[in-house]
PDB file of N, CA and C in Angstrom:
ATOM      1  N   MET A   1     116.452 143.621  69.696  1.00  0.00           N
ATOM      2  CA  MET A   1     115.795 142.347  69.488  1.00  0.00           C
ATOM      3  C   MET A   1     116.787 141.363  68.896  1.00  0.00           C
ATOM      4  N   ASN A   2     116.722 140.160  69.359  1.00  0.00           N
ATOM      5  CA  ASN A   2     117.627 139.112  68.881  1.00  0.00           C
ATOM      6  C   ASN A   2     116.932 138.343  67.763  1.00  0.00           C
ATOM      7  N   ASP A   3     117.452 138.465  66.556  1.00  0.00           N
ATOM      8  CA  ASP A   3     116.843 137.807  65.403  1.00  0.00           C
ATOM      9  C   ASP A   3     117.400 136.410  65.163  1.00  0.00           C
ATOM     10  N   HIS A   4     118.417 136.030  65.910  1.00  0.00           N
ATOM     11  CA  HIS A   4     119.044 134.732  65.695  1.00  0.00           C
ATOM     12  C   HIS A   4     118.439 133.681  66.632  1.00  0.00           C
ATOM     13  N   PRO A   5     118.077 132.545  66.083  1.00  0.00           N
ATOM     14  CA  PRO A   5     117.597 131.466  66.959  1.00  0.00           C
ATOM     15  C   PRO A   5     118.744 130.982  67.851  1.00  0.00           C
ATOM     16  N   PRO A   6     118.393 130.404  69.013  1.00  0.00           N
ATOM     17  CA  PRO A   6     119.452 129.915  69.896  1.00  0.00           C
ATOM     18  C   PRO A   6     120.264 128.825  69.202  1.00  0.00           C
ATOM     19  N   SER A   7     121.543 128.836  69.479  1.00  0.00           N
ATOM     20  CA  SER A   7     122.415 127.813  68.889  1.00  0.00           C
ATOM     21  C   SER A   7     122.128 126.460  69.551  1.00  0.00           C
ATOM     22  N   ARG A   8     122.600 125.439  68.920  1.00  0.00           N
ATOM     23  CA  ARG A   8     122.469 124.085  69.486  1.00  0.00           C
ATOM     24  C   ARG A   8     123.134 124.022  70.856  1.00  0.00           C
ATOM     25  N   LEU A   9     124.274 124.677  71.006  1.00  0.00           N
ATOM     26  CA  LEU A   9     124.953 124.694  72.302  1.00  0.00           C
ATOM     27  C   LEU A   9     124.094 125.394  73.344  1.00  0.00           C
ATOM     28  N   ASP A  10     123.470 126.504  73.011  1.00  0.00           N
ATOM     29  CA  ASP A  10     122.576 127.207  73.937  1.00  0.00           C
ATOM     30  C   ASP A  10     121.416 126.301  74.360  1.00  0.00           C
ATOM     31  N   GLN A  11     120.876 125.588  73.395  1.00  0.00           N
ATOM     32  CA  GLN A  11     119.769 124.681  73.700  1.00  0.00           C
ATOM     33  C   GLN A  11     120.220 123.561  74.639  1.00  0.00           C
ATOM     34  N   LEU A  12     121.384 122.996  74.380  1.00  0.00           N
ATOM     35  CA  LEU A  12     121.894 121.916  75.236  1.00  0.00           C
ATOM     36  C   LEU A  12     122.210 122.427  76.645  1.00  0.00           C
ATOM     37  N   LEU A  13     122.744 123.619  76.757  1.00  0.00           N
ATOM     38  CA  LEU A  13     123.013 124.198  78.082  1.00  0.00           C
ATOM     39  C   LEU A  13     121.712 124.466  78.842  1.00  0.00           C
ATOM     40  N   PHE A  14     120.693 124.926  78.104  1.00  0.00           N
ATOM     41  CA  PHE A  14     119.378 125.107  78.725  1.00  0.00           C
ATOM     42  C   PHE A  14     118.832 123.771  79.229  1.00  0.00           C
ATOM     43  N   LEU A  15     118.920 122.735  78.389  1.00  0.00           N
ATOM     44  CA  LEU A  15     118.458 121.403  78.770  1.00  0.00           C
ATOM     45  C   LEU A  15     119.194 120.914  80.017  1.00  0.00           C
ATOM     46  N   LYS A  16     120.487 121.162  80.070  1.00  0.00           N
ATOM     47  CA  LYS A  16     121.292 120.761  81.230  1.00  0.00           C
ATOM     48  C   LYS A  16     120.771 121.441  82.498  1.00  0.00           C
ATOM     49  N   ARG A  17     120.461 122.730  82.441  1.00  0.00           N
ATOM     50  CA  ARG A  17     119.944 123.456  83.622  1.00  0.00           C
ATOM     51  C   ARG A  17     118.598 122.879  84.062  1.00  0.00           C
ATOM     52  N   VAL A  18     117.748 122.572  83.100  1.00  0.00           N
ATOM     53  CA  VAL A  18     116.441 121.986  83.416  1.00  0.00           C
ATOM     54  C   VAL A  18     116.618 120.625  84.088  1.00  0.00           C
ATOM     55  N   GLN A  19     117.479 119.797  83.527  1.00  0.00           N
ATOM     56  CA  GLN A  19     117.693 118.459  84.089  1.00  0.00           C
ATOM     57  C   GLN A  19     118.337 118.538  85.474  1.00  0.00           C
ATOM     58  N   GLU A  20     119.255 119.476  85.673  1.00  0.00           N
ATOM     59  CA  GLU A  20     119.863 119.637  86.998  1.00  0.00           C
ATOM     60  C   GLU A  20     118.811 120.059  88.022  1.00  0.00           C
ATOM     61  N   ALA A  21     117.923 120.941  87.614  1.00  0.00           N
ATOM     62  CA  ALA A  21     116.834 121.360  88.510  1.00  0.00           C
ATOM     63  C   ALA A  21     115.923 120.176  88.821  1.00  0.00           C
ATOM     64  N   ASP A  22     115.611 119.367  87.808  1.00  0.00           N
ATOM     65  CA  ASP A  22     114.783 118.170  88.020  1.00  0.00           C
ATOM     66  C   ASP A  22     115.478 117.200  88.976  1.00  0.00           C
ATOM     67  N   LEU A  23     116.769 116.994  88.787  1.00  0.00           N
ATOM     68  CA  LEU A  23     117.521 116.083  89.647  1.00  0.00           C
ATOM     69  C   LEU A  23     117.556 116.603  91.088  1.00  0.00           C
ATOM     70  N   LYS A  24     117.734 117.904  91.247  1.00  0.00           N
ATOM     71  CA  LYS A  24     117.739 118.497  92.591  1.00  0.00           C
ATOM     72  C   LYS A  24     116.386 118.284  93.274  1.00  0.00           C
ATOM     73  N   ARG A  25     115.293 118.495  92.540  1.00  0.00           N
ATOM     74  CA  ARG A  25     113.958 118.287  93.080  1.00  0.00           C
ATOM     75  C   ARG A  25     113.751 116.807  93.435  1.00  0.00           C
ATOM     76  N   THR A  26     114.177 115.903  92.578  1.00  0.00           N
ATOM     77  CA  THR A  26     114.047 114.465  92.845  1.00  0.00           C
ATOM     78  C   THR A  26     114.831 114.080  94.087  1.00  0.00           C
ATOM     79  N   ARG A  27     116.016 114.643  94.253  1.00  0.00           N
ATOM     80  CA  ARG A  27     116.813 114.350  95.457  1.00  0.00           C
ATOM     81  C   ARG A  27     116.103 114.863  96.715  1.00  0.00           C
ATOM     82  N   ARG A  28     115.439 115.999  96.629  1.00  0.00           N
ATOM     83  CA  ARG A  28     114.663 116.507  97.783  1.00  0.00           C
ATOM     84  C   ARG A  28     113.515 115.554  98.099  1.00  0.00           C
ATOM     85  N   TRP A  29     112.841 115.065  97.064  1.00  0.00           N
ATOM     86  CA  TRP A  29     111.746 114.117  97.274  1.00  0.00           C
ATOM     87  C   TRP A  29     112.260 112.841  97.936  1.00  0.00           C
ATOM     88  N   ILE A  30     113.396 112.352  97.473  1.00  0.00           N
ATOM     89  CA  ILE A  30     113.980 111.133  98.052  1.00  0.00           C
ATOM     90  C   ILE A  30     114.338 111.369  99.512  1.00  0.00           C
ATOM     91  N   ALA A  31     114.956 112.497  99.819  1.00  0.00           N
ATOM     92  CA  ALA A  31     115.332 112.809 101.199  1.00  0.00           C
ATOM     93  C   ALA A  31     114.094 112.901 102.088  1.00  0.00           C
ATOM     94  N   ALA A  32     113.039 113.521 101.587  1.00  0.00           N
ATOM     95  CA  ALA A  32     111.800 113.633 102.361  1.00  0.00           C
ATOM     96  C   ALA A  32     111.188 112.257 102.607  1.00  0.00           C
ATOM     97  N   GLU A  33     111.213 111.404 101.600  1.00  0.00           N
ATOM     98  CA  GLU A  33     110.659 110.047 101.758  1.00  0.00           C
ATOM     99  C   GLU A  33     111.492 109.232 102.733  1.00  0.00           C
ATOM    100  N   GLU A  34     112.821 109.386 102.677  1.00  0.00           N
ATOM    101  CA  GLU A  34     113.681 108.675 103.630  1.00  0.00           C
ATOM    102  C   GLU A  34     113.405 109.138 105.056  1.00  0.00           C
ATOM    103  N   ARG A  35     113.184 110.436 105.256  1.00  0.00           N
ATOM    104  CA  ARG A  35     112.841 110.946 106.592  1.00  0.00           C
ATOM    105  C   ARG A  35     111.506 110.388 107.058  1.00  0.00           C
ATOM    106  N   ARG A  36     110.526 110.351 106.145  1.00  0.00           N
ATOM    107  CA  ARG A  36     109.200 109.831 106.503  1.00  0.00           C
ATOM    108  C   ARG A  36     109.274 108.368 106.920  1.00  0.00           C
ATOM    109  N   GLN A  37     110.022 107.568 106.146  1.00  0.00           N
ATOM    110  CA  GLN A  37     110.161 106.148 106.472  1.00  0.00           C
ATOM    111  C   GLN A  37     110.910 105.938 107.779  1.00  0.00           C
ATOM    112  N   ALA A  38     111.938 106.735 108.028  1.00  0.00           N
ATOM    113  CA  ALA A  38     112.686 106.627 109.286  1.00  0.00           C
ATOM    114  C   ALA A  38     111.783 106.971 110.465  1.00  0.00           C
ATOM    115  N   GLU A  39     110.960 107.997 110.324  1.00  0.00           N
ATOM    116  CA  GLU A  39     110.024 108.372 111.387  1.00  0.00           C
ATOM    117  C   GLU A  39     109.002 107.260 111.625  1.00  0.00           C
ATOM    118  N   GLN A  40     108.542 106.651 110.550  1.00  0.00           N
ATOM    119  CA  GLN A  40     107.582 105.549 110.683  1.00  0.00           C
ATOM    120  C   GLN A  40     108.215 104.373 111.430  1.00  0.00           C
ATOM    121  N   ARG A  41     109.482 104.048 111.111  1.00  0.00           N
ATOM    122  CA  ARG A  41     110.176 102.966 111.815  1.00  0.00           C
ATOM    123  C   ARG A  41     110.352 103.301 113.291  1.00  0.00           C
ATOM    124  N   ARG A  42     110.709 104.560 113.584  1.00  0.00           N
ATOM    125  CA  ARG A  42     110.866 104.976 114.987  1.00  0.00           C
ATOM    126  C   ARG A  42     109.552 104.841 115.743  1.00  0.00           C
ATOM    127  N   SER A  43     108.459 105.255 115.119  1.00  0.00           N
ATOM    128  CA  SER A  43     107.163 105.175 115.806  1.00  0.00           C
ATOM    129  C   SER A  43     106.734 103.723 116.006  1.00  0.00           C
ATOM    130  N   GLU A  44     107.067 102.852 115.063  1.00  0.00           N
ATOM    131  CA  GLU A  44     106.721 101.439 115.220  1.00  0.00           C
ATOM    132  C   GLU A  44     107.506 100.813 116.364  1.00  0.00           C
ATOM    133  N   HIS A  45     108.782 101.196 116.508  1.00  0.00           N
ATOM    134  CA  HIS A  45     109.603 100.656 117.594  1.00  0.00           C
ATOM    135  C   HIS A  45     109.183 101.224 118.946  1.00  0.00           C
ATOM    136  N   ALA A  46     108.652 102.439 118.961  1.00  0.00           N
ATOM    137  CA  ALA A  46     108.252 103.080 120.211  1.00  0.00           C
ATOM    138  C   ALA A  46     106.870 102.624 120.673  1.00  0.00           C
ATOM    139  N   ARG A  47     106.124 102.006 119.781  1.00  0.00           N
ATOM    140  CA  ARG A  47     104.771 101.561 120.105  1.00  0.00           C
ATOM    141  C   ARG A  47     104.829 100.471 121.174  1.00  0.00           C
ATOM    142  N   PRO A  48     103.962 100.549 122.191  1.00  0.00           N
ATOM    143  CA  PRO A  48     103.972  99.495 123.205  1.00  0.00           C
ATOM    144  C   PRO A  48     103.568  98.154 122.591  1.00  0.00           C
ATOM    145  N   PRO A  49     104.033  97.056 123.168  1.00  0.00           N
ATOM    146  CA  PRO A  49     103.679  95.755 122.603  1.00  0.00           C
ATOM    147  C   PRO A  49     102.176  95.501 122.706  1.00  0.00           C
ATOM    148  N   GLU A  50     101.689  94.776 121.739  1.00  0.00           N
ATOM    149  CA  GLU A  50     100.276  94.427 121.709  1.00  0.00           C
ATOM    150  C   GLU A  50      99.971  93.458 122.844  1.00  0.00           C
ATOM    151  N   PRO A  51      98.851  93.649 123.562  1.00  0.00           N
ATOM    152  CA  PRO A  51      98.508  92.705 124.634  1.00  0.00           C
ATOM    153  C   PRO A  51      98.171  91.327 124.065  1.00  0.00           C
ATOM    154  N   ASP A  52      98.383  90.303 124.870  1.00  0.00           N
ATOM    155  CA  ASP A  52      98.087  88.939 124.430  1.00  0.00           C
ATOM    156  C   ASP A  52      96.582  88.665 124.410  1.00  0.00           C
ATOM    157  N   TRP A  53      95.846  89.348 125.312  1.00  0.00           N
ATOM    158  CA  TRP A  53      94.411  89.092 125.442  1.00  0.00           C
ATOM    159  C   TRP A  53      93.676  90.411 125.584  1.00  0.00           C
ATOM    160  N   LEU A  54      92.452  90.448 125.078  1.00  0.00           N
ATOM    161  CA  LEU A  54      91.621  91.645 125.151  1.00  0.00           C
ATOM    162  C   LEU A  54      90.261  91.292 125.710  1.00  0.00           C
ATOM    163  N   ILE A  55      89.701  92.224 126.457  1.00  0.00           N
ATOM    164  CA  ILE A  55      88.303  92.111 126.866  1.00  0.00           C
ATOM    165  C   ILE A  55      87.594  93.320 126.292  1.00  0.00           C
ATOM    166  N   GLU A  56      86.538  93.061 125.547  1.00  0.00           N
ATOM    167  CA  GLU A  56      85.752  94.126 124.934  1.00  0.00           C
ATOM    168  C   GLU A  56      84.574  94.454 125.827  1.00  0.00           C
ATOM    169  N   GLN A  57      84.466  95.721 126.167  1.00  0.00           N
ATOM    170  CA  GLN A  57      83.373  96.186 127.027  1.00  0.00           C
ATOM    171  C   GLN A  57      82.143  96.481 126.182  1.00  0.00           C
ATOM    172  N   GLY A  58      80.988  96.376 126.793  1.00  0.00           N
ATOM    173  CA  GLY A  58      79.736  96.701 126.122  1.00  0.00           C
ATOM    174  C   GLY A  58      79.552  98.200 125.996  1.00  0.00           C
ATOM    175  N   LEU A  59      78.420  98.604 125.454  1.00  0.00           N
ATOM    176  CA  LEU A  59      78.142 100.025 125.254  1.00  0.00           C
ATOM    177  C   LEU A  59      78.092 100.799 126.558  1.00  0.00           C
ATOM    178  N   ASN A  60      77.669 100.140 127.626  1.00  0.00           N
ATOM    179  CA  ASN A  60      77.599 100.835 128.911  1.00  0.00           C
ATOM    180  C   ASN A  60      78.981 101.020 129.538  1.00  0.00           C
ATOM    181  N   GLY A  61      79.999 100.381 128.975  1.00  0.00           N
ATOM    182  CA  GLY A  61      81.363 100.546 129.455  1.00  0.00           C
ATOM    183  C   GLY A  61      81.720  99.697 130.649  1.00  0.00           C
ATOM    184  N   ARG A  62      80.784  98.945 131.164  1.00  0.00           N
ATOM    185  CA  ARG A  62      81.062  98.130 132.358  1.00  0.00           C
ATOM    186  C   ARG A  62      81.097  96.638 132.059  1.00  0.00           C
ATOM    187  N   ALA A  63      80.039  96.130 131.501  1.00  0.00           N
ATOM    188  CA  ALA A  63      79.926  94.689 131.290  1.00  0.00           C
ATOM    189  C   ALA A  63      80.799  94.237 130.117  1.00  0.00           C
ATOM    190  N   ALA A  64      81.576  93.195 130.354  1.00  0.00           N
ATOM    191  CA  ALA A  64      82.391  92.618 129.284  1.00  0.00           C
ATOM    192  C   ALA A  64      81.485  91.822 128.357  1.00  0.00           C
ATOM    193  N   VAL A  65      81.715  91.941 127.057  1.00  0.00           N
ATOM    194  CA  VAL A  65      80.878  91.218 126.105  1.00  0.00           C
ATOM    195  C   VAL A  65      81.650  90.167 125.317  1.00  0.00           C
ATOM    196  N   TYR A  66      82.965  90.383 125.107  1.00  0.00           N
ATOM    197  CA  TYR A  66      83.767  89.411 124.370  1.00  0.00           C
ATOM    198  C   TYR A  66      85.184  89.362 124.924  1.00  0.00           C
ATOM    199  N   VAL A  67      85.771  88.180 124.831  1.00  0.00           N
ATOM    200  CA  VAL A  67      87.197  87.998 125.076  1.00  0.00           C
ATOM    201  C   VAL A  67      87.815  87.752 123.703  1.00  0.00           C
ATOM    202  N   HIS A  68      88.957  88.403 123.435  1.00  0.00           N
ATOM    203  CA  HIS A  68      89.646  88.286 122.155  1.00  0.00           C
ATOM    204  C   HIS A  68      91.113  87.932 122.382  1.00  0.00           C
ATOM    205  N   VAL A  69      91.714  87.318 121.391  1.00  0.00           N
ATOM    206  CA  VAL A  69      93.163  87.186 121.343  1.00  0.00           C
ATOM    207  C   VAL A  69      93.696  88.567 120.956  1.00  0.00           C
ATOM    208  N   GLY A  70      94.800  88.983 121.543  1.00  0.00           N
ATOM    209  CA  GLY A  70      95.385  90.278 121.205  1.00  0.00           C
ATOM    210  C   GLY A  70      95.610  90.393 119.710  1.00  0.00           C
ATOM    211  N   GLY A  71      95.256  91.540 119.154  1.00  0.00           N
ATOM    212  CA  GLY A  71      95.428  91.755 117.717  1.00  0.00           C
ATOM    213  C   GLY A  71      94.249  91.310 116.873  1.00  0.00           C
ATOM    214  N   CYS A  72      93.210  90.783 117.509  1.00  0.00           N
ATOM    215  CA  CYS A  72      92.027  90.350 116.746  1.00  0.00           C
ATOM    216  C   CYS A  72      91.421  91.562 116.046  1.00  0.00           C
ATOM    217  N   ARG A  73      91.176  91.421 114.757  1.00  0.00           N
ATOM    218  CA  ARG A  73      90.602  92.519 113.976  1.00  0.00           C
ATOM    219  C   ARG A  73      89.135  92.755 114.308  1.00  0.00           C
ATOM    220  N   MET A  74      88.518  91.822 114.981  1.00  0.00           N
ATOM    221  CA  MET A  74      87.114  91.974 115.323  1.00  0.00           C
ATOM    222  C   MET A  74      86.924  92.699 116.661  1.00  0.00           C
ATOM    223  N   ALA A  75      87.995  92.897 117.404  1.00  0.00           N
ATOM    224  CA  ALA A  75      87.898  93.588 118.693  1.00  0.00           C
ATOM    225  C   ALA A  75      87.499  95.037 118.452  1.00  0.00           C
ATOM    226  N   GLY A  76      86.528  95.488 119.209  1.00  0.00           N
ATOM    227  CA  GLY A  76      86.051  96.858 119.057  1.00  0.00           C
ATOM    228  C   GLY A  76      86.943  97.856 119.773  1.00  0.00           C
ATOM    229  N   LYS A  77      86.592  99.124 119.619  1.00  0.00           N
ATOM    230  CA  LYS A  77      87.376 100.205 120.222  1.00  0.00           C
ATOM    231  C   LYS A  77      87.258 100.227 121.739  1.00  0.00           C
ATOM    232  N   ARG A  78      86.277  99.550 122.277  1.00  0.00           N
ATOM    233  CA  ARG A  78      86.108  99.522 123.732  1.00  0.00           C
ATOM    234  C   ARG A  78      86.848  98.342 124.360  1.00  0.00           C
ATOM    235  N   SER A  79      87.865  97.837 123.677  1.00  0.00           N
ATOM    236  CA  SER A  79      88.635  96.694 124.180  1.00  0.00           C
ATOM    237  C   SER A  79      89.840  97.188 124.958  1.00  0.00           C
ATOM    238  N   ARG A  80      90.219  96.414 125.974  1.00  0.00           N
ATOM    239  CA  ARG A  80      91.412  96.734 126.758  1.00  0.00           C
ATOM    240  C   ARG A  80      92.226  95.471 126.948  1.00  0.00           C
ATOM    241  N   GLY A  81      93.526  95.637 127.042  1.00  0.00           N
ATOM    242  CA  GLY A  81      94.416  94.507 127.242  1.00  0.00           C
ATOM    243  C   GLY A  81      94.308  93.961 128.648  1.00  0.00           C
ATOM    244  N   VAL A  82      94.351  92.635 128.762  1.00  0.00           N
ATOM    245  CA  VAL A  82      94.302  91.978 130.071  1.00  0.00           C
ATOM    246  C   VAL A  82      95.324  90.847 130.111  1.00  0.00           C
ATOM    247  N   GLU A  83      95.593  90.381 131.312  1.00  0.00           N
ATOM    248  CA  GLU A  83      96.484  89.240 131.516  1.00  0.00           C
ATOM    249  C   GLU A  83      95.730  87.945 131.223  1.00  0.00           C
ATOM    250  N   ARG A  84      96.480  86.877 131.058  1.00  0.00           N
ATOM    251  CA  ARG A  84      95.910  85.560 130.760  1.00  0.00           C
ATOM    252  C   ARG A  84      94.866  85.134 131.791  1.00  0.00           C
ATOM    253  N   ASP A  85      95.186  85.286 133.079  1.00  0.00           N
ATOM    254  CA  ASP A  85      94.253  84.847 134.121  1.00  0.00           C
ATOM    255  C   ASP A  85      92.954  85.652 134.087  1.00  0.00           C
ATOM    256  N   GLN A  86      93.021  86.931 133.736  1.00  0.00           N
ATOM    257  CA  GLN A  86      91.806  87.737 133.620  1.00  0.00           C
ATOM    258  C   GLN A  86      90.950  87.268 132.446  1.00  0.00           C
ATOM    259  N   ALA A  87      91.585  86.910 131.342  1.00  0.00           N
ATOM    260  CA  ALA A  87      90.850  86.411 130.179  1.00  0.00           C
ATOM    261  C   ALA A  87      90.183  85.085 130.517  1.00  0.00           C
ATOM    262  N   LEU A  88      90.910  84.201 131.189  1.00  0.00           N
ATOM    263  CA  LEU A  88      90.320  82.912 131.598  1.00  0.00           C
ATOM    264  C   LEU A  88      89.160  83.117 132.563  1.00  0.00           C
ATOM    265  N   ARG A  89      89.337  84.025 133.519  1.00  0.00           N
ATOM    266  CA  ARG A  89      88.279  84.293 134.496  1.00  0.00           C
ATOM    267  C   ARG A  89      87.041  84.835 133.784  1.00  0.00           C
ATOM    268  N   ALA A  90      87.211  85.727 132.819  1.00  0.00           N
ATOM    269  CA  ALA A  90      86.066  86.278 132.090  1.00  0.00           C
ATOM    270  C   ALA A  90      85.327  85.172 131.344  1.00  0.00           C
ATOM    271  N   LEU A  91      86.062  84.268 130.709  1.00  0.00           N
ATOM    272  CA  LEU A  91      85.409  83.147 130.019  1.00  0.00           C
ATOM    273  C   LEU A  91      84.657  82.265 131.007  1.00  0.00           C
ATOM    274  N   ALA A  92      85.267  82.002 132.149  1.00  0.00           N
ATOM    275  CA  ALA A  92      84.622  81.169 133.174  1.00  0.00           C
ATOM    276  C   ALA A  92      83.368  81.838 133.725  1.00  0.00           C
ATOM    277  N   GLU A  93      83.356  83.168 133.727  1.00  0.00           N
ATOM    278  CA  GLU A  93      82.191  83.905 134.235  1.00  0.00           C
ATOM    279  C   GLU A  93      81.121  84.099 133.169  1.00  0.00           C
ATOM    280  N   GLY A  94      81.322  83.533 131.985  1.00  0.00           N
ATOM    281  CA  GLY A  94      80.285  83.555 130.955  1.00  0.00           C
ATOM    282  C   GLY A  94      80.444  84.601 129.874  1.00  0.00           C
ATOM    283  N   VAL A  95      81.559  85.324 129.869  1.00  0.00           N
ATOM    284  CA  VAL A  95      81.781  86.283 128.778  1.00  0.00           C
ATOM    285  C   VAL A  95      82.055  85.479 127.513  1.00  0.00           C
ATOM    286  N   ASP A  96      81.421  85.856 126.435  1.00  0.00           N
ATOM    287  CA  ASP A  96      81.561  85.129 125.178  1.00  0.00           C
ATOM    288  C   ASP A  96      82.975  85.237 124.613  1.00  0.00           C
ATOM    289  N   ALA A  97      83.429  84.132 124.037  1.00  0.00           N
ATOM    290  CA  ALA A  97      84.694  84.136 123.301  1.00  0.00           C
ATOM    291  C   ALA A  97      84.406  84.604 121.881  1.00  0.00           C
ATOM    292  N   CYS A  98      85.264  85.422 121.349  1.00  0.00           N
ATOM    293  CA  CYS A  98      85.125  85.869 119.960  1.00  0.00           C
ATOM    294  C   CYS A  98      85.151  84.638 119.051  1.00  0.00           C
ATOM    295  N   THR A  99      84.189  84.568 118.152  1.00  0.00           N
ATOM    296  CA  THR A  99      84.122  83.411 117.248  1.00  0.00           C
ATOM    297  C   THR A  99      85.124  83.541 116.106  1.00  0.00           C
ATOM    298  N   HIS A 100      85.730  84.714 115.976  1.00  0.00           N
ATOM    299  CA  HIS A 100      86.710  84.945 114.918  1.00  0.00           C
ATOM    300  C   HIS A 100      88.099  84.471 115.346  1.00  0.00           C
ATOM    301  N   CYS A 101      88.559  84.906 116.525  1.00  0.00           N
ATOM    302  CA  CYS A 101      89.928  84.600 116.957  1.00  0.00           C
ATOM    303  C   CYS A 101      90.015  83.427 117.932  1.00  0.00           C
ATOM    304  N   ARG A 102      88.893  82.977 118.472  1.00  0.00           N
ATOM    305  CA  ARG A 102      88.793  81.800 119.349  1.00  0.00           C
ATOM    306  C   ARG A 102      89.794  81.830 120.529  1.00  0.00           C
ATOM    307  N   PRO A 103      89.668  82.818 121.424  1.00  0.00           N
ATOM    308  CA  PRO A 103      90.574  82.871 122.572  1.00  0.00           C
ATOM    309  C   PRO A 103      90.397  81.679 123.511  1.00  0.00           C
ATOM    310  N   ASP A 104      89.198  81.103 123.535  1.00  0.00           N
ATOM    311  CA  ASP A 104      88.978  79.937 124.401  1.00  0.00           C
ATOM    312  C   ASP A 104      89.869  78.770 123.974  1.00  0.00           C
ATOM    313  N   SER A 105      90.000  78.560 122.674  1.00  0.00           N
ATOM    314  CA  SER A 105      90.901  77.504 122.177  1.00  0.00           C
ATOM    315  C   SER A 105      92.346  77.857 122.453  1.00  0.00           C
ATOM    316  N   GLU A 106      92.720  79.108 122.226  1.00  0.00           N
ATOM    317  CA  GLU A 106      94.102  79.541 122.473  1.00  0.00           C
ATOM    318  C   GLU A 106      94.475  79.394 123.941  1.00  0.00           C
ATOM    319  N   LEU A 107      93.512  79.636 124.821  1.00  0.00           N
ATOM    320  CA  LEU A 107      93.765  79.564 126.255  1.00  0.00           C
ATOM    321  C   LEU A 107      93.618  78.146 126.794  1.00  0.00           C
ATOM    322  N   GLY A 108      93.106  77.250 126.002  1.00  0.00           N
ATOM    323  CA  GLY A 108      92.862  75.890 126.471  1.00  0.00           C
ATOM    324  C   GLY A 108      91.673  75.829 127.427  1.00  0.00           C
ATOM    325  N   PHE A 109      90.731  76.764 127.276  1.00  0.00           N
ATOM    326  CA  PHE A 109      89.563  76.837 128.151  1.00  0.00           C
ATOM    327  C   PHE A 109      88.527  75.823 127.722  1.00  0.00           C
ATOM    328  N   ILE A 110      88.101  75.027 128.666  1.00  0.00           N
ATOM    329  CA  ILE A 110      87.044  74.055 128.430  1.00  0.00           C
ATOM    330  C   ILE A 110      85.848  74.478 129.251  1.00  0.00           C
ATOM    331  N   ASP A 111      84.760  74.780 128.568  1.00  0.00           N
ATOM    332  CA  ASP A 111      83.547  75.258 129.231  1.00  0.00           C
ATOM    333  C   ASP A 111      83.009  74.196 130.168  1.00  0.00           C
ATOM    334  N   GLY A 112      82.666  74.668 131.351  1.00  0.00           N
ATOM    335  CA  GLY A 112      82.032  73.744 132.279  1.00  0.00           C
ATOM    336  C   GLY A 112      82.824  73.637 133.469  1.00  0.00           C
TER     337      GLY A 112
END
């Protein structure tokens, strides 16, 4: 049995080992976070561009219910990207323009 308390040097060497272990763990966390951020940037660059215009389908999946500007937060999950002429044609055929993003104003559509 060791009856002598650890010396100050023993205590400092122990502290050094603990701090080195902490630093090693922190470096692993930093490396993991850098990998996560790099992957997020890669996925953002690989994402297809957002469409300029959206048509939101009704519950039946056939009838269009709203025209949206691409990226409108009010567009539902049943929305699909369309070309400008398709969005204009839908408005001309009586599909409602989203009152949030106002695609009719963006498109220069005048009812009538």
